[in-house]
Amino acid sequence: MESIPAASWRRSLAFVGANPGLALHPVDAHGAQIPGEAASCFASFWMAEWSRWGAGNVLLVATLQGWRSYGTNEYFAATLATELTRYFPEAARFPLGGITHTQDEFDVGLDLERGFRATGRKAEMELSGILDRRHFSSPDFKLGTNSAALSNVYLPCSSGRLAEFGVEWPGAASVYPGPRGPSSSGYIAVAESWVM
């Protein structure tokens, strides 16, 4: 039996960029989050400065009714969904079957003091109210049977919104205390790298 060279076991850089995310949780008539209710959707916006699959901007939206992607490159969007996003804890309740793709281009604004906004012709996502800025590192982030090294600067946000085809998703980001400071289901991850 032929042995596998040690070099083939080495991980290589797969993605460099940013990845804001937003899971919206149900709220009551007064806008207060309903305790114990699971998120109704999860959105992940990828801004690739470089990746092994391509570059550019992609919005992925995961719901119980299915996954949707927005961007200029359907292959790039599908690859980010299947290789990375589907394994995020926020996406776990939304099984990935197929993905419906819509061509769209985004105007993106990212301000580490104020927040993030991506505005397309068909979809938009916004995060604001930055609560903290801290380094996050997971040297063994599980991707199904494989794993990757993930590193970023994590900025939890107190509020966020998501709209598709002019219809805004109801709900709010869930803010909670964490061991290293406040955390939220709405966040901006910058200086992000994946090594696989």
N, C-alpha and C. Protein backbone atom coordinates (compact mmCIF):
# COMPACT_ATOMS: atom_id res chain seq x y z
N MET A 1 0.85 -1.17 0.00
CA MET A 1 0.00 0.00 0.00
C MET A 1 0.89 1.24 0.00
N GLU A 2 0.58 2.16 -0.90
CA GLU A 2 1.40 3.36 -1.02
C GLU A 2 1.05 4.36 0.08
N SER A 3 2.07 4.94 0.71
CA SER A 3 1.82 5.92 1.77
C SER A 3 1.54 7.29 1.16
N ILE A 4 0.79 8.08 1.91
CA ILE A 4 0.46 9.43 1.47
C ILE A 4 1.54 10.37 1.96
N PRO A 5 2.13 11.18 1.06
CA PRO A 5 3.18 12.10 1.48
C PRO A 5 2.68 13.05 2.56
N ALA A 6 3.56 13.37 3.52
CA ALA A 6 3.20 14.26 4.63
C ALA A 6 2.68 15.61 4.13
N ALA A 7 3.22 16.10 3.02
CA ALA A 7 2.82 17.41 2.50
C ALA A 7 1.34 17.46 2.16
N SER A 8 0.76 16.32 1.78
CA SER A 8 -0.65 16.31 1.38
C SER A 8 -1.57 16.45 2.59
N TRP A 9 -1.04 16.26 3.79
CA TRP A 9 -1.84 16.41 5.00
C TRP A 9 -1.93 17.86 5.44
N ARG A 10 -1.10 18.70 4.89
CA ARG A 10 -1.08 20.10 5.30
C ARG A 10 -2.32 20.82 4.80
N ARG A 11 -2.80 21.71 5.64
CA ARG A 11 -3.93 22.55 5.25
C ARG A 11 -3.42 23.73 4.43
N SER A 12 -4.31 24.27 3.61
CA SER A 12 -3.94 25.46 2.84
C SER A 12 -5.04 26.51 2.97
N LEU A 13 -4.67 27.74 2.75
CA LEU A 13 -5.61 28.85 2.86
C LEU A 13 -6.74 28.68 1.85
N ALA A 14 -7.99 28.85 2.33
CA ALA A 14 -9.15 28.67 1.46
C ALA A 14 -9.95 29.95 1.27
N PHE A 15 -9.93 30.86 2.26
CA PHE A 15 -10.76 32.06 2.18
C PHE A 15 -10.14 33.17 3.01
N VAL A 16 -10.18 34.40 2.45
CA VAL A 16 -9.79 35.61 3.18
C VAL A 16 -10.84 36.67 2.88
N GLY A 17 -11.37 37.29 3.93
CA GLY A 17 -12.38 38.33 3.70
C GLY A 17 -13.17 38.64 4.94
N ALA A 18 -14.48 38.81 4.79
CA ALA A 18 -15.37 39.12 5.90
C ALA A 18 -16.65 38.32 5.73
N ASN A 19 -17.38 38.13 6.85
CA ASN A 19 -18.58 37.30 6.81
C ASN A 19 -19.58 37.73 7.89
N PRO A 20 -20.31 38.82 7.68
CA PRO A 20 -21.39 39.17 8.60
C PRO A 20 -22.49 38.12 8.57
N GLY A 21 -23.13 37.91 9.73
CA GLY A 21 -24.22 36.94 9.82
C GLY A 21 -25.35 37.45 10.67
N LEU A 22 -26.56 36.94 10.43
CA LEU A 22 -27.73 37.38 11.17
C LEU A 22 -28.75 36.26 11.26
N ALA A 23 -29.04 35.83 12.49
CA ALA A 23 -30.16 34.93 12.75
C ALA A 23 -31.25 35.76 13.41
N LEU A 24 -32.44 35.77 12.83
CA LEU A 24 -33.55 36.55 13.36
C LEU A 24 -34.45 35.67 14.21
N HIS A 25 -34.75 36.14 15.44
CA HIS A 25 -35.59 35.40 16.38
C HIS A 25 -36.94 36.10 16.50
N PRO A 26 -38.03 35.34 16.69
CA PRO A 26 -39.36 35.94 16.78
C PRO A 26 -39.47 36.95 17.94
N VAL A 27 -40.26 37.99 17.72
CA VAL A 27 -40.51 39.01 18.74
C VAL A 27 -42.02 39.17 18.91
N ASP A 28 -42.43 39.75 20.07
CA ASP A 28 -43.84 39.99 20.31
C ASP A 28 -44.27 41.33 19.70
N ALA A 29 -45.49 41.75 19.95
CA ALA A 29 -46.03 42.98 19.37
C ALA A 29 -45.28 44.23 19.81
N HIS A 30 -44.55 44.12 20.91
CA HIS A 30 -43.78 45.26 21.43
C HIS A 30 -42.31 45.21 20.99
N GLY A 31 -41.96 44.22 20.18
CA GLY A 31 -40.58 44.10 19.71
C GLY A 31 -39.64 43.37 20.64
N ALA A 32 -40.18 42.79 21.72
CA ALA A 32 -39.35 42.03 22.66
C ALA A 32 -39.23 40.59 22.18
N GLN A 33 -38.04 40.03 22.29
CA GLN A 33 -37.83 38.67 21.84
C GLN A 33 -38.66 37.69 22.66
N ILE A 34 -39.26 36.72 22.01
CA ILE A 34 -40.06 35.70 22.68
C ILE A 34 -39.11 34.62 23.20
N PRO A 35 -39.03 34.42 24.52
CA PRO A 35 -38.06 33.47 25.09
C PRO A 35 -38.27 32.05 24.56
N GLY A 36 -37.16 31.40 24.28
CA GLY A 36 -37.19 30.00 23.87
C GLY A 36 -37.54 29.73 22.43
N GLU A 37 -37.86 30.77 21.66
CA GLU A 37 -38.22 30.58 20.26
C GLU A 37 -36.97 30.50 19.38
N ALA A 38 -36.91 29.51 18.51
CA ALA A 38 -35.76 29.33 17.61
C ALA A 38 -35.79 30.38 16.51
N ALA A 39 -34.64 30.61 15.90
CA ALA A 39 -34.53 31.59 14.81
C ALA A 39 -35.41 31.17 13.64
N SER A 40 -35.99 32.17 12.98
CA SER A 40 -36.84 31.91 11.81
C SER A 40 -36.04 31.85 10.52
N CYS A 41 -34.84 32.46 10.52
CA CYS A 41 -33.98 32.43 9.35
C CYS A 41 -32.55 32.76 9.76
N PHE A 42 -31.63 32.44 8.88
CA PHE A 42 -30.22 32.79 9.09
C PHE A 42 -29.67 33.31 7.77
N ALA A 43 -29.02 34.46 7.83
CA ALA A 43 -28.40 35.05 6.64
C ALA A 43 -26.91 35.18 6.86
N SER A 44 -26.15 34.86 5.84
CA SER A 44 -24.69 34.94 5.89
C SER A 44 -24.22 35.69 4.65
N PHE A 45 -23.55 36.82 4.86
CA PHE A 45 -23.06 37.61 3.73
C PHE A 45 -21.55 37.44 3.64
N TRP A 46 -21.09 36.92 2.51
CA TRP A 46 -19.67 36.66 2.30
C TRP A 46 -19.05 37.74 1.43
N MET A 47 -17.96 38.33 1.90
CA MET A 47 -17.17 39.29 1.12
C MET A 47 -15.78 38.70 0.97
N ALA A 48 -15.53 38.08 -0.15
CA ALA A 48 -14.27 37.40 -0.38
C ALA A 48 -13.27 38.32 -1.04
N GLU A 49 -12.22 38.63 -0.32
CA GLU A 49 -11.10 39.33 -0.95
C GLU A 49 -10.32 38.36 -1.81
N TRP A 50 -10.25 37.12 -1.32
CA TRP A 50 -9.66 36.03 -2.09
C TRP A 50 -10.21 34.72 -1.53
N SER A 51 -10.47 33.76 -2.40
CA SER A 51 -10.78 32.40 -1.96
C SER A 51 -10.41 31.44 -3.06
N ARG A 52 -10.30 30.18 -2.72
CA ARG A 52 -9.97 29.17 -3.74
C ARG A 52 -11.13 28.93 -4.69
N TRP A 53 -12.33 29.48 -4.35
CA TRP A 53 -13.52 29.28 -5.18
C TRP A 53 -13.91 30.51 -5.99
N GLY A 54 -13.22 31.63 -5.75
CA GLY A 54 -13.57 32.87 -6.45
C GLY A 54 -13.59 34.03 -5.48
N ALA A 55 -13.96 35.19 -5.97
CA ALA A 55 -14.02 36.39 -5.13
C ALA A 55 -15.32 37.12 -5.39
N GLY A 56 -15.62 38.09 -4.52
CA GLY A 56 -16.83 38.87 -4.69
C GLY A 56 -17.74 38.78 -3.49
N ASN A 57 -19.03 39.13 -3.68
CA ASN A 57 -20.01 39.18 -2.61
C ASN A 57 -21.14 38.18 -2.86
N VAL A 58 -21.57 37.52 -1.77
CA VAL A 58 -22.64 36.54 -1.84
C VAL A 58 -23.51 36.67 -0.59
N LEU A 59 -24.82 36.67 -0.76
CA LEU A 59 -25.74 36.59 0.38
C LEU A 59 -26.42 35.24 0.33
N LEU A 60 -26.32 34.51 1.45
CA LEU A 60 -27.01 33.23 1.60
C LEU A 60 -28.10 33.39 2.65
N VAL A 61 -29.30 32.90 2.37
CA VAL A 61 -30.41 32.96 3.31
C VAL A 61 -30.92 31.54 3.51
N ALA A 62 -30.89 31.08 4.77
CA ALA A 62 -31.35 29.73 5.12
C ALA A 62 -32.65 29.82 5.90
N THR A 63 -33.66 29.07 5.45
CA THR A 63 -34.96 29.02 6.13
C THR A 63 -35.43 27.57 6.15
N LEU A 64 -36.51 27.31 6.89
CA LEU A 64 -37.07 25.97 6.90
C LEU A 64 -37.70 25.62 5.56
N GLN A 65 -38.00 26.63 4.74
CA GLN A 65 -38.56 26.40 3.41
C GLN A 65 -37.49 26.19 2.35
N GLY A 66 -36.22 26.35 2.71
CA GLY A 66 -35.13 26.15 1.76
C GLY A 66 -34.08 27.24 1.85
N TRP A 67 -33.03 27.08 1.07
CA TRP A 67 -31.91 28.02 1.03
C TRP A 67 -31.99 28.83 -0.26
N ARG A 68 -31.59 30.11 -0.15
CA ARG A 68 -31.53 30.99 -1.31
C ARG A 68 -30.18 31.69 -1.32
N SER A 69 -29.70 31.98 -2.52
CA SER A 69 -28.45 32.73 -2.65
C SER A 69 -28.66 33.91 -3.59
N TYR A 70 -27.89 34.96 -3.35
CA TYR A 70 -27.91 36.16 -4.17
C TYR A 70 -26.48 36.56 -4.47
N GLY A 71 -26.21 36.91 -5.71
CA GLY A 71 -24.87 37.33 -6.10
C GLY A 71 -24.71 37.21 -7.60
N THR A 72 -23.49 37.46 -8.07
CA THR A 72 -23.22 37.42 -9.50
C THR A 72 -22.71 36.06 -9.98
N ASN A 73 -22.31 35.19 -9.02
CA ASN A 73 -21.70 33.92 -9.40
C ASN A 73 -22.40 32.79 -8.64
N GLU A 74 -23.26 32.05 -9.33
CA GLU A 74 -24.04 30.98 -8.69
C GLU A 74 -23.14 29.87 -8.14
N TYR A 75 -22.10 29.51 -8.89
CA TYR A 75 -21.19 28.45 -8.43
C TYR A 75 -20.50 28.86 -7.12
N PHE A 76 -20.03 30.10 -7.06
CA PHE A 76 -19.36 30.62 -5.87
C PHE A 76 -20.32 30.58 -4.67
N ALA A 77 -21.56 31.02 -4.88
CA ALA A 77 -22.56 31.02 -3.80
C ALA A 77 -22.84 29.61 -3.32
N ALA A 78 -23.05 28.68 -4.24
CA ALA A 78 -23.36 27.30 -3.87
C ALA A 78 -22.20 26.65 -3.12
N THR A 79 -20.97 26.96 -3.54
CA THR A 79 -19.80 26.38 -2.89
C THR A 79 -19.65 26.90 -1.46
N LEU A 80 -19.86 28.19 -1.25
CA LEU A 80 -19.79 28.74 0.11
C LEU A 80 -20.87 28.13 1.00
N ALA A 81 -22.04 27.86 0.42
CA ALA A 81 -23.12 27.24 1.20
C ALA A 81 -22.76 25.81 1.58
N THR A 82 -22.29 25.02 0.61
CA THR A 82 -22.05 23.60 0.88
C THR A 82 -20.75 23.33 1.63
N GLU A 83 -19.72 24.14 1.38
CA GLU A 83 -18.43 23.90 2.02
C GLU A 83 -18.32 24.50 3.42
N LEU A 84 -19.00 25.63 3.67
CA LEU A 84 -18.83 26.33 4.94
C LEU A 84 -20.13 26.62 5.68
N THR A 85 -21.02 27.41 5.09
CA THR A 85 -22.16 27.97 5.82
C THR A 85 -23.07 26.90 6.42
N ARG A 86 -23.30 25.83 5.73
CA ARG A 86 -24.21 24.79 6.24
C ARG A 86 -23.76 24.22 7.57
N TYR A 87 -22.47 24.38 7.92
CA TYR A 87 -21.94 23.83 9.16
C TYR A 87 -21.92 24.84 10.30
N PHE A 88 -22.34 26.07 10.06
CA PHE A 88 -22.40 27.06 11.13
C PHE A 88 -23.48 26.64 12.13
N PRO A 89 -23.25 26.85 13.43
CA PRO A 89 -24.28 26.50 14.42
C PRO A 89 -25.61 27.19 14.14
N GLU A 90 -25.57 28.43 13.64
CA GLU A 90 -26.79 29.18 13.35
C GLU A 90 -27.59 28.57 12.20
N ALA A 91 -26.94 27.80 11.35
CA ALA A 91 -27.60 27.20 10.19
C ALA A 91 -28.08 25.77 10.45
N ALA A 92 -27.76 25.22 11.62
CA ALA A 92 -28.02 23.81 11.90
C ALA A 92 -29.50 23.43 11.78
N ARG A 93 -30.42 24.34 12.12
CA ARG A 93 -31.84 23.99 12.08
C ARG A 93 -32.44 24.12 10.68
N PHE A 94 -31.63 24.54 9.72
CA PHE A 94 -32.12 24.74 8.35
C PHE A 94 -31.37 23.80 7.40
N PRO A 95 -31.85 22.56 7.24
CA PRO A 95 -31.13 21.59 6.41
C PRO A 95 -30.95 22.10 4.98
N LEU A 96 -29.77 21.87 4.45
CA LEU A 96 -29.46 22.29 3.09
C LEU A 96 -29.82 21.17 2.12
N GLY A 97 -30.85 21.43 1.31
CA GLY A 97 -31.19 20.52 0.22
C GLY A 97 -30.62 21.15 -1.04
N GLY A 98 -31.45 21.85 -1.76
CA GLY A 98 -30.99 22.62 -2.91
C GLY A 98 -30.91 24.10 -2.55
N ILE A 99 -30.39 24.87 -3.48
CA ILE A 99 -30.28 26.31 -3.30
C ILE A 99 -30.90 26.99 -4.52
N THR A 100 -31.79 27.94 -4.28
CA THR A 100 -32.35 28.76 -5.35
C THR A 100 -31.49 30.00 -5.48
N HIS A 101 -30.98 30.28 -6.69
CA HIS A 101 -30.08 31.41 -6.88
C HIS A 101 -30.77 32.54 -7.65
N THR A 102 -30.49 33.78 -7.19
CA THR A 102 -30.97 34.98 -7.87
C THR A 102 -29.78 35.88 -8.17
N GLN A 103 -29.65 36.28 -9.43
CA GLN A 103 -28.57 37.20 -9.80
C GLN A 103 -28.81 38.55 -9.12
N ASP A 104 -27.80 39.07 -8.47
CA ASP A 104 -27.91 40.35 -7.80
C ASP A 104 -26.51 40.93 -7.59
N GLU A 105 -26.43 42.24 -7.50
CA GLU A 105 -25.18 42.92 -7.19
C GLU A 105 -25.42 43.80 -5.97
N PHE A 106 -24.42 43.92 -5.11
CA PHE A 106 -24.59 44.62 -3.84
C PHE A 106 -23.69 45.85 -3.74
N ASP A 107 -24.25 46.91 -3.19
CA ASP A 107 -23.46 48.03 -2.70
C ASP A 107 -23.22 47.74 -1.23
N VAL A 108 -21.95 47.72 -0.83
CA VAL A 108 -21.61 47.30 0.53
C VAL A 108 -20.93 48.43 1.28
N GLY A 109 -21.39 48.64 2.51
CA GLY A 109 -20.76 49.59 3.42
C GLY A 109 -20.40 48.88 4.71
N LEU A 110 -19.14 48.98 5.10
CA LEU A 110 -18.67 48.34 6.33
C LEU A 110 -17.90 49.36 7.14
N ASP A 111 -18.39 49.65 8.34
CA ASP A 111 -17.78 50.62 9.24
C ASP A 111 -17.65 49.96 10.60
N LEU A 112 -16.44 49.78 11.09
CA LEU A 112 -16.23 49.06 12.34
C LEU A 112 -16.66 49.86 13.56
N GLU A 113 -17.09 51.10 13.37
CA GLU A 113 -17.67 51.90 14.45
C GLU A 113 -19.19 51.83 14.43
N ARG A 114 -19.78 51.73 13.22
CA ARG A 114 -21.23 51.84 13.09
C ARG A 114 -21.93 50.56 12.66
N GLY A 115 -21.32 49.79 11.78
CA GLY A 115 -21.97 48.56 11.36
C GLY A 115 -21.77 48.23 9.91
N PHE A 116 -22.72 47.50 9.34
CA PHE A 116 -22.60 46.91 8.01
C PHE A 116 -23.93 47.05 7.28
N ARG A 117 -23.83 47.29 5.97
CA ARG A 117 -25.03 47.29 5.13
C ARG A 117 -24.67 46.80 3.74
N ALA A 118 -25.46 45.85 3.24
CA ALA A 118 -25.33 45.37 1.87
C ALA A 118 -26.68 45.56 1.19
N THR A 119 -26.71 46.37 0.15
CA THR A 119 -27.96 46.68 -0.55
C THR A 119 -27.87 46.20 -1.99
N GLY A 120 -28.72 45.26 -2.32
CA GLY A 120 -28.83 44.78 -3.69
C GLY A 120 -30.17 45.19 -4.28
N ARG A 121 -30.41 44.81 -5.53
CA ARG A 121 -31.69 45.12 -6.14
C ARG A 121 -32.79 44.16 -5.67
N LYS A 122 -32.38 42.96 -5.23
CA LYS A 122 -33.34 41.94 -4.82
C LYS A 122 -33.32 41.64 -3.31
N ALA A 123 -32.20 41.90 -2.66
CA ALA A 123 -32.08 41.57 -1.23
C ALA A 123 -31.16 42.56 -0.53
N GLU A 124 -31.35 42.69 0.78
CA GLU A 124 -30.47 43.55 1.56
C GLU A 124 -30.36 43.03 2.99
N MET A 125 -29.24 43.39 3.61
CA MET A 125 -28.96 42.97 4.97
C MET A 125 -28.24 44.10 5.68
N GLU A 126 -28.57 44.29 6.96
CA GLU A 126 -27.98 45.39 7.71
C GLU A 126 -27.73 44.97 9.15
N LEU A 127 -26.62 45.42 9.73
CA LEU A 127 -26.28 45.18 11.13
C LEU A 127 -25.80 46.49 11.74
N SER A 128 -26.23 46.76 12.98
CA SER A 128 -25.81 47.99 13.64
C SER A 128 -25.76 47.77 15.15
N GLY A 129 -25.28 48.79 15.86
CA GLY A 129 -25.17 48.69 17.30
C GLY A 129 -24.07 47.76 17.74
N ILE A 130 -22.83 48.03 17.32
CA ILE A 130 -21.70 47.16 17.67
C ILE A 130 -21.48 47.18 19.17
N LEU A 131 -21.42 46.00 19.78
CA LEU A 131 -21.31 45.85 21.23
C LEU A 131 -19.89 45.58 21.70
N ASP A 132 -19.04 45.05 20.84
CA ASP A 132 -17.70 44.63 21.24
C ASP A 132 -16.87 44.36 19.99
N ARG A 133 -15.58 44.26 20.18
CA ARG A 133 -14.65 43.85 19.11
C ARG A 133 -13.61 42.96 19.75
N ARG A 134 -13.53 41.72 19.30
CA ARG A 134 -12.55 40.82 19.90
C ARG A 134 -12.14 39.73 18.91
N HIS A 135 -10.96 39.19 19.12
CA HIS A 135 -10.44 38.14 18.26
C HIS A 135 -11.14 36.82 18.57
N PHE A 136 -11.44 36.08 17.50
CA PHE A 136 -12.02 34.74 17.65
C PHE A 136 -11.16 33.77 16.87
N SER A 137 -10.91 32.62 17.46
CA SER A 137 -10.11 31.60 16.77
C SER A 137 -10.66 30.22 17.11
N SER A 138 -10.84 29.41 16.08
CA SER A 138 -11.24 28.02 16.26
C SER A 138 -10.33 27.16 15.39
N PRO A 139 -9.29 26.57 15.96
CA PRO A 139 -8.33 25.81 15.15
C PRO A 139 -8.88 24.51 14.59
N ASP A 140 -10.07 24.08 15.08
CA ASP A 140 -10.62 22.81 14.63
C ASP A 140 -12.15 22.94 14.45
N PHE A 141 -12.56 23.90 13.60
CA PHE A 141 -13.97 24.13 13.32
C PHE A 141 -14.50 22.96 12.49
N LYS A 142 -15.53 22.28 12.99
CA LYS A 142 -16.03 21.08 12.33
C LYS A 142 -16.83 21.41 11.07
N LEU A 143 -16.46 20.77 9.97
CA LEU A 143 -17.15 20.88 8.69
C LEU A 143 -17.56 19.48 8.28
N GLY A 144 -18.59 18.96 8.93
CA GLY A 144 -18.97 17.58 8.67
C GLY A 144 -17.90 16.64 9.17
N THR A 145 -17.37 15.79 8.29
CA THR A 145 -16.32 14.85 8.69
C THR A 145 -14.93 15.49 8.64
N ASN A 146 -14.84 16.70 8.11
CA ASN A 146 -13.57 17.42 8.04
C ASN A 146 -13.56 18.55 9.05
N SER A 147 -12.47 19.30 9.06
CA SER A 147 -12.39 20.47 9.93
C SER A 147 -11.51 21.52 9.26
N ALA A 148 -11.57 22.73 9.80
CA ALA A 148 -10.79 23.84 9.27
C ALA A 148 -10.36 24.73 10.42
N ALA A 149 -9.34 25.53 10.18
CA ALA A 149 -8.92 26.54 11.15
C ALA A 149 -9.57 27.85 10.74
N LEU A 150 -10.35 28.42 11.67
CA LEU A 150 -11.06 29.67 11.43
C LEU A 150 -10.53 30.74 12.37
N SER A 151 -10.31 31.94 11.82
CA SER A 151 -9.87 33.06 12.64
C SER A 151 -10.54 34.33 12.12
N ASN A 152 -11.00 35.19 13.04
CA ASN A 152 -11.57 36.47 12.62
C ASN A 152 -11.59 37.45 13.79
N VAL A 153 -12.01 38.66 13.50
CA VAL A 153 -12.33 39.64 14.53
C VAL A 153 -13.85 39.70 14.58
N TYR A 154 -14.40 39.40 15.75
CA TYR A 154 -15.84 39.24 15.94
C TYR A 154 -16.43 40.50 16.56
N LEU A 155 -17.47 41.03 15.90
CA LEU A 155 -18.16 42.23 16.37
C LEU A 155 -19.65 41.91 16.55
N PRO A 156 -20.08 41.55 17.76
CA PRO A 156 -21.51 41.31 17.96
C PRO A 156 -22.28 42.61 17.84
N CYS A 157 -23.50 42.52 17.29
CA CYS A 157 -24.33 43.71 17.04
C CYS A 157 -25.68 43.57 17.74
N SER A 158 -26.21 44.69 18.19
CA SER A 158 -27.48 44.64 18.92
C SER A 158 -28.69 44.57 18.01
N SER A 159 -28.55 44.94 16.76
CA SER A 159 -29.71 44.89 15.87
C SER A 159 -29.31 44.56 14.45
N GLY A 160 -30.29 44.03 13.71
CA GLY A 160 -30.05 43.67 12.31
C GLY A 160 -31.36 43.53 11.58
N ARG A 161 -31.28 43.62 10.27
CA ARG A 161 -32.48 43.44 9.44
C ARG A 161 -32.11 42.74 8.14
N LEU A 162 -33.09 42.03 7.59
CA LEU A 162 -32.91 41.29 6.35
C LEU A 162 -34.18 41.44 5.53
N ALA A 163 -34.02 41.73 4.24
CA ALA A 163 -35.18 41.84 3.34
C ALA A 163 -34.87 41.11 2.04
N GLU A 164 -35.91 40.48 1.50
CA GLU A 164 -35.82 39.81 0.19
C GLU A 164 -36.98 40.30 -0.67
N PHE A 165 -36.67 40.76 -1.87
CA PHE A 165 -37.68 41.25 -2.81
C PHE A 165 -38.60 42.28 -2.16
N GLY A 166 -38.02 43.16 -1.34
CA GLY A 166 -38.77 44.23 -0.71
C GLY A 166 -39.56 43.85 0.53
N VAL A 167 -39.51 42.59 0.91
CA VAL A 167 -40.24 42.12 2.10
C VAL A 167 -39.25 41.89 3.23
N GLU A 168 -39.45 42.61 4.34
CA GLU A 168 -38.53 42.49 5.46
C GLU A 168 -38.92 41.32 6.35
N TRP A 169 -37.91 40.53 6.73
CA TRP A 169 -38.15 39.42 7.64
C TRP A 169 -38.47 39.98 9.02
N PRO A 170 -39.49 39.44 9.69
CA PRO A 170 -39.76 39.87 11.06
C PRO A 170 -38.73 39.25 12.01
N GLY A 171 -38.61 39.84 13.19
CA GLY A 171 -37.72 39.29 14.19
C GLY A 171 -36.57 40.22 14.52
N ALA A 172 -35.75 39.77 15.45
CA ALA A 172 -34.63 40.58 15.92
C ALA A 172 -33.45 39.69 16.25
N ALA A 173 -32.28 40.32 16.31
CA ALA A 173 -31.08 39.60 16.74
C ALA A 173 -31.20 39.29 18.23
N SER A 174 -30.66 38.16 18.63
CA SER A 174 -30.69 37.74 20.02
C SER A 174 -29.34 38.07 20.66
N VAL A 175 -29.35 38.95 21.67
CA VAL A 175 -28.13 39.35 22.37
C VAL A 175 -28.08 38.62 23.70
N TYR A 176 -26.90 38.10 24.04
CA TYR A 176 -26.76 37.32 25.27
C TYR A 176 -25.34 37.46 25.81
N PRO A 177 -25.14 37.26 27.12
CA PRO A 177 -23.79 37.35 27.67
C PRO A 177 -22.98 36.12 27.30
N GLY A 178 -21.71 36.32 27.05
CA GLY A 178 -20.81 35.21 26.75
C GLY A 178 -19.64 35.23 27.70
N PRO A 179 -18.81 34.19 27.68
CA PRO A 179 -17.68 34.12 28.62
C PRO A 179 -16.64 35.21 28.40
N ARG A 180 -16.58 35.77 27.18
CA ARG A 180 -15.58 36.80 26.89
C ARG A 180 -16.20 38.16 26.61
N GLY A 181 -17.49 38.28 26.86
CA GLY A 181 -18.18 39.53 26.59
C GLY A 181 -19.49 39.27 25.89
N PRO A 182 -20.20 40.34 25.51
CA PRO A 182 -21.52 40.14 24.88
C PRO A 182 -21.40 39.41 23.54
N SER A 183 -22.42 38.61 23.26
CA SER A 183 -22.51 37.90 21.99
C SER A 183 -23.89 38.16 21.40
N SER A 184 -24.05 37.85 20.13
CA SER A 184 -25.31 38.11 19.46
C SER A 184 -25.48 37.21 18.25
N SER A 185 -26.74 36.98 17.90
CA SER A 185 -27.01 36.23 16.66
C SER A 185 -26.90 37.14 15.44
N GLY A 186 -26.60 38.41 15.66
CA GLY A 186 -26.25 39.35 14.60
C GLY A 186 -24.82 39.80 14.82
N TYR A 187 -23.95 39.56 13.86
CA TYR A 187 -22.54 39.84 14.07
C TYR A 187 -21.85 40.21 12.76
N ILE A 188 -20.71 40.86 12.91
CA ILE A 188 -19.82 41.13 11.78
C ILE A 188 -18.51 40.41 12.07
N ALA A 189 -18.04 39.62 11.14
CA ALA A 189 -16.75 38.95 11.29
C ALA A 189 -15.83 39.49 10.19
N VAL A 190 -14.77 40.16 10.60
CA VAL A 190 -13.83 40.76 9.65
C VAL A 190 -12.45 40.14 9.84
N ALA A 191 -11.56 40.44 8.89
CA ALA A 191 -10.22 39.84 8.90
C ALA A 191 -10.35 38.33 9.07
N GLU A 192 -11.31 37.76 8.33
CA GLU A 192 -11.62 36.34 8.50
C GLU A 192 -10.78 35.49 7.54
N SER A 193 -10.27 34.40 8.08
CA SER A 193 -9.55 33.44 7.23
C SER A 193 -9.96 32.03 7.59
N TRP A 194 -10.06 31.21 6.54
CA TRP A 194 -10.32 29.78 6.69
C TRP A 194 -9.14 29.03 6.08
N VAL A 195 -8.61 28.11 6.85
CA VAL A 195 -7.53 27.24 6.37
C VAL A 195 -8.05 25.81 6.44
N MET A 196 -8.05 25.15 5.26
CA MET A 196 -8.66 23.82 5.17
C MET A 196 -7.67 22.80 4.62
